Amino acid sequence: QVQLVESGGGLVQAGASLRLSCVLSGRTFSNYAMAWFRLHPGKERECVAALSRKSLDIFYEDAVKGRFIISRDNDKKTVFLQMNSLIPEDTAVYYCAATLGSGEYYYTRPEIYEYWGQGTQVTVSS
């Protein structure tokens, strides 16, 4: 059984940085495409960044391009989301997700992902 455990959320001021981490256990991490989603109150879950198995394909939502960086360490079974220049609009619950998928692709639709973390709150004050 795959388990995803996130960490790194918190309360910061606008302009600050945070680094989210998500550790996968129970299966071979390198077989999974990974992504970070976020959920704003009253809105649908949106894909912030996604990464293929070997990091050859990477996606960023327009709102975070140039500020967020997704990366993975297959040896540590961990996917990261480095969030820089945070703004209040980044306030949300952030979830990591994993899917076996196929090939060297990223995926942005939440229904594709089989496994989800518990979520970590990120709050950015103005």
C-alpha atoms as a PDB file:
ATOM      1  CA  GLN A   1       0.000   0.000   0.000  1.00  0.00           C
ATOM      2  CA  VAL A   2       1.388   3.386  -1.011  1.00  0.00           C
ATOM      3  CA  GLN A   3       1.501   6.100   1.624  1.00  0.00           C
ATOM      4  CA  LEU A   4       2.372   9.737   1.072  1.00  0.00           C
ATOM      5  CA  VAL A   5       3.375  11.947   3.978  1.00  0.00           C
ATOM      6  CA  GLU A   6       3.780  15.683   3.464  1.00  0.00           C
ATOM      7  CA  SER A   7       5.598  18.198   5.587  1.00  0.00           C
ATOM      8  CA  GLY A   8       6.822  21.762   5.425  1.00  0.00           C
ATOM      9  CA  GLY A   9       3.680  23.877   5.466  1.00  0.00           C
ATOM     10  CA  GLY A  10       3.215  26.824   7.775  1.00  0.00           C
ATOM     11  CA  LEU A  11       2.399  30.491   8.221  1.00  0.00           C
ATOM     12  CA  VAL A  12       4.686  32.981   6.512  1.00  0.00           C
ATOM     13  CA  GLN A  13       4.636  36.572   5.362  1.00  0.00           C
ATOM     14  CA  ALA A  14       4.351  37.605   1.750  1.00  0.00           C
ATOM     15  CA  GLY A  15       7.700  37.361  -0.002  1.00  0.00           C
ATOM     16  CA  ALA A  16       8.942  34.481   2.099  1.00  0.00           C
ATOM     17  CA  SER A  17       9.796  30.956   0.983  1.00  0.00           C
ATOM     18  CA  LEU A  18       8.678  27.501   2.055  1.00  0.00           C
ATOM     19  CA  ARG A  19       9.757  24.052   0.988  1.00  0.00           C
ATOM     20  CA  LEU A  20       7.213  21.252   1.001  1.00  0.00           C
ATOM     21  CA  SER A  21       8.333  17.635   1.106  1.00  0.00           C
ATOM     22  CA  CYS A  22       6.411  14.448   0.417  1.00  0.00           C
ATOM     23  CA  VAL A  23       7.784  11.001   1.148  1.00  0.00           C
ATOM     24  CA  LEU A  24       6.361   7.944  -0.568  1.00  0.00           C
ATOM     25  CA  SER A  25       6.512   4.585   1.168  1.00  0.00           C
ATOM     26  CA  GLY A  26       5.303   1.130   0.260  1.00  0.00           C
ATOM     27  CA  ARG A  27       6.322   0.977  -3.386  1.00  0.00           C
ATOM     28  CA  THR A  28       9.159   1.906  -5.736  1.00  0.00           C
ATOM     29  CA  PHE A  29       9.087   5.681  -5.861  1.00  0.00           C
ATOM     30  CA  SER A  30      10.766   5.957  -9.260  1.00  0.00           C
ATOM     31  CA  ASN A  31       7.806   4.181 -10.889  1.00  0.00           C
ATOM     32  CA  TYR A  32       5.458   7.060 -10.034  1.00  0.00           C
ATOM     33  CA  ALA A  33       4.775  10.372 -11.686  1.00  0.00           C
ATOM     34  CA  MET A  34       4.250  12.962  -8.955  1.00  0.00           C
ATOM     35  CA  ALA A  35       2.418  16.235  -8.550  1.00  0.00           C
ATOM     36  CA  TRP A  36       1.474  18.935  -6.094  1.00  0.00           C
ATOM     37  CA  PHE A  37      -2.108  20.155  -5.972  1.00  0.00           C
ATOM     38  CA  ARG A  38      -3.665  22.855  -3.863  1.00  0.00           C
ATOM     39  CA  LEU A  39      -7.158  23.480  -2.642  1.00  0.00           C
ATOM     40  CA  HIS A  40      -8.492  26.939  -1.986  1.00  0.00           C
ATOM     41  CA  PRO A  41     -11.702  27.152   0.074  1.00  0.00           C
ATOM     42  CA  GLY A  42     -14.703  27.012  -2.217  1.00  0.00           C
ATOM     43  CA  LYS A  43     -12.682  26.056  -5.265  1.00  0.00           C
ATOM     44  CA  GLU A  44     -11.703  22.869  -7.042  1.00  0.00           C
ATOM     45  CA  ARG A  45      -8.366  21.203  -6.516  1.00  0.00           C
ATOM     46  CA  GLU A  46      -5.802  22.547  -8.971  1.00  0.00           C
ATOM     47  CA  CYS A  47      -2.499  21.180 -10.124  1.00  0.00           C
ATOM     48  CA  VAL A  48       0.306  23.512  -9.131  1.00  0.00           C
ATOM     49  CA  ALA A  49       3.200  21.468 -10.492  1.00  0.00           C
ATOM     50  CA  ALA A  50       3.733  17.997 -11.889  1.00  0.00           C
ATOM     51  CA  LEU A  51       6.763  15.892 -12.613  1.00  0.00           C
ATOM     52  CA  SER A  52       7.392  12.756 -14.666  1.00  0.00           C
ATOM     53  CA  ARG A  53       9.216   9.710 -13.316  1.00  0.00           C
ATOM     54  CA  LYS A  54      12.690  10.802 -14.415  1.00  0.00           C
ATOM     55  CA  SER A  55      12.006  14.539 -14.140  1.00  0.00           C
ATOM     56  CA  LEU A  56      12.179  14.922 -17.924  1.00  0.00           C
ATOM     57  CA  ASP A  57       8.689  16.419 -18.182  1.00  0.00           C
ATOM     58  CA  ILE A  58       7.662  19.207 -15.825  1.00  0.00           C
ATOM     59  CA  PHE A  59       4.491  21.282 -15.583  1.00  0.00           C
ATOM     60  CA  TYR A  60       3.788  24.493 -13.699  1.00  0.00           C
ATOM     61  CA  GLU A  61       0.528  26.328 -13.368  1.00  0.00           C
ATOM     62  CA  ASP A  62       0.835  29.834 -14.820  1.00  0.00           C
ATOM     63  CA  ALA A  63       0.271  31.479 -11.441  1.00  0.00           C
ATOM     64  CA  VAL A  64       3.400  29.869  -9.964  1.00  0.00           C
ATOM     65  CA  LYS A  65       5.783  29.867 -12.922  1.00  0.00           C
ATOM     66  CA  GLY A  66       9.089  31.455 -11.983  1.00  0.00           C
ATOM     67  CA  ARG A  67       8.309  31.188  -8.256  1.00  0.00           C
ATOM     68  CA  PHE A  68       7.819  27.472  -7.522  1.00  0.00           C
ATOM     69  CA  ILE A  69      10.141  24.584  -8.323  1.00  0.00           C
ATOM     70  CA  ILE A  70       9.142  20.934  -8.236  1.00  0.00           C
ATOM     71  CA  SER A  71      11.864  18.319  -7.917  1.00  0.00           C
ATOM     72  CA  ARG A  72      12.301  14.743  -6.820  1.00  0.00           C
ATOM     73  CA  ASP A  73      14.980  12.617  -5.217  1.00  0.00           C
ATOM     74  CA  ASN A  74      14.318   9.019  -6.216  1.00  0.00           C
ATOM     75  CA  ASP A  75      16.890   7.706  -3.738  1.00  0.00           C
ATOM     76  CA  LYS A  76      15.099   9.443  -0.871  1.00  0.00           C
ATOM     77  CA  LYS A  77      11.643   8.644  -2.284  1.00  0.00           C
ATOM     78  CA  THR A  78      10.760  12.290  -1.911  1.00  0.00           C
ATOM     79  CA  VAL A  79       9.177  14.982  -4.047  1.00  0.00           C
ATOM     80  CA  PHE A  80       9.715  18.618  -3.150  1.00  0.00           C
ATOM     81  CA  LEU A  81       7.970  21.883  -3.879  1.00  0.00           C
ATOM     82  CA  GLN A  82      10.180  24.904  -3.333  1.00  0.00           C
ATOM     83  CA  MET A  83       7.908  27.924  -3.062  1.00  0.00           C
ATOM     84  CA  ASN A  84       9.527  31.343  -3.352  1.00  0.00           C
ATOM     85  CA  SER A  85       8.125  34.865  -3.361  1.00  0.00           C
ATOM     86  CA  LEU A  86       4.942  33.656  -1.743  1.00  0.00           C
ATOM     87  CA  ILE A  87       1.829  35.800  -2.074  1.00  0.00           C
ATOM     88  CA  PRO A  88      -1.456  35.676  -0.118  1.00  0.00           C
ATOM     89  CA  GLU A  89      -3.142  33.996  -3.098  1.00  0.00           C
ATOM     90  CA  ASP A  90      -0.899  30.976  -2.505  1.00  0.00           C
ATOM     91  CA  THR A  91      -2.754  30.310   0.761  1.00  0.00           C
ATOM     92  CA  ALA A  92      -4.264  26.841   0.456  1.00  0.00           C
ATOM     93  CA  VAL A  93      -3.991  23.256   1.560  1.00  0.00           C
ATOM     94  CA  TYR A  94      -1.294  21.583  -0.524  1.00  0.00           C
ATOM     95  CA  TYR A  95      -1.435  17.893  -1.415  1.00  0.00           C
ATOM     96  CA  CYS A  96       1.100  15.659  -3.071  1.00  0.00           C
ATOM     97  CA  ALA A  97      -0.146  12.909  -5.351  1.00  0.00           C
ATOM     98  CA  ALA A  98       1.310   9.855  -7.058  1.00  0.00           C
ATOM     99  CA  THR A  99       0.290   7.850 -10.099  1.00  0.00           C
ATOM    100  CA  LEU A 100       1.851   4.934 -11.900  1.00  0.00           C
ATOM    101  CA  GLY A 101       0.731   6.395 -15.213  1.00  0.00           C
ATOM    102  CA  SER A 102       2.668   5.242 -18.250  1.00  0.00           C
ATOM    103  CA  GLY A 103       5.768   6.484 -19.979  1.00  0.00           C
ATOM    104  CA  GLU A 104       7.672   9.619 -19.180  1.00  0.00           C
ATOM    105  CA  TYR A 105       4.797  12.064 -18.745  1.00  0.00           C
ATOM    106  CA  TYR A 106       3.384  14.391 -16.173  1.00  0.00           C
ATOM    107  CA  TYR A 107      -0.325  14.466 -15.350  1.00  0.00           C
ATOM    108  CA  THR A 108      -2.397  17.420 -14.210  1.00  0.00           C
ATOM    109  CA  ARG A 109      -5.875  15.953 -13.794  1.00  0.00           C
ATOM    110  CA  PRO A 110      -6.571  14.936 -10.177  1.00  0.00           C
ATOM    111  CA  GLU A 111      -8.660  11.905 -11.186  1.00  0.00           C
ATOM    112  CA  ILE A 112      -5.550  10.338 -12.723  1.00  0.00           C
ATOM    113  CA  TYR A 113      -3.808  10.066  -9.355  1.00  0.00           C
ATOM    114  CA  GLU A 114      -4.303   6.933  -7.270  1.00  0.00           C
ATOM    115  CA  TYR A 115      -2.577   8.106  -4.097  1.00  0.00           C
ATOM    116  CA  TRP A 116      -2.776  11.312  -2.087  1.00  0.00           C
ATOM    117  CA  GLY A 117      -1.124  12.747   0.959  1.00  0.00           C
ATOM    118  CA  GLN A 118      -3.051  14.135   3.897  1.00  0.00           C
ATOM    119  CA  GLY A 119      -2.439  17.753   2.944  1.00  0.00           C
ATOM    120  CA  THR A 120      -0.410  20.509   4.533  1.00  0.00           C
ATOM    121  CA  GLN A 121      -1.657  24.031   5.182  1.00  0.00           C
ATOM    122  CA  VAL A 122       0.225  26.965   3.699  1.00  0.00           C
ATOM    123  CA  THR A 123      -0.857  30.409   4.859  1.00  0.00           C
ATOM    124  CA  VAL A 124       0.677  33.584   3.481  1.00  0.00           C
ATOM    125  CA  SER A 125      -0.096  36.818   5.273  1.00  0.00           C
ATOM    126  CA  SER A 126       0.075  40.201   3.583  1.00  0.00           C
END
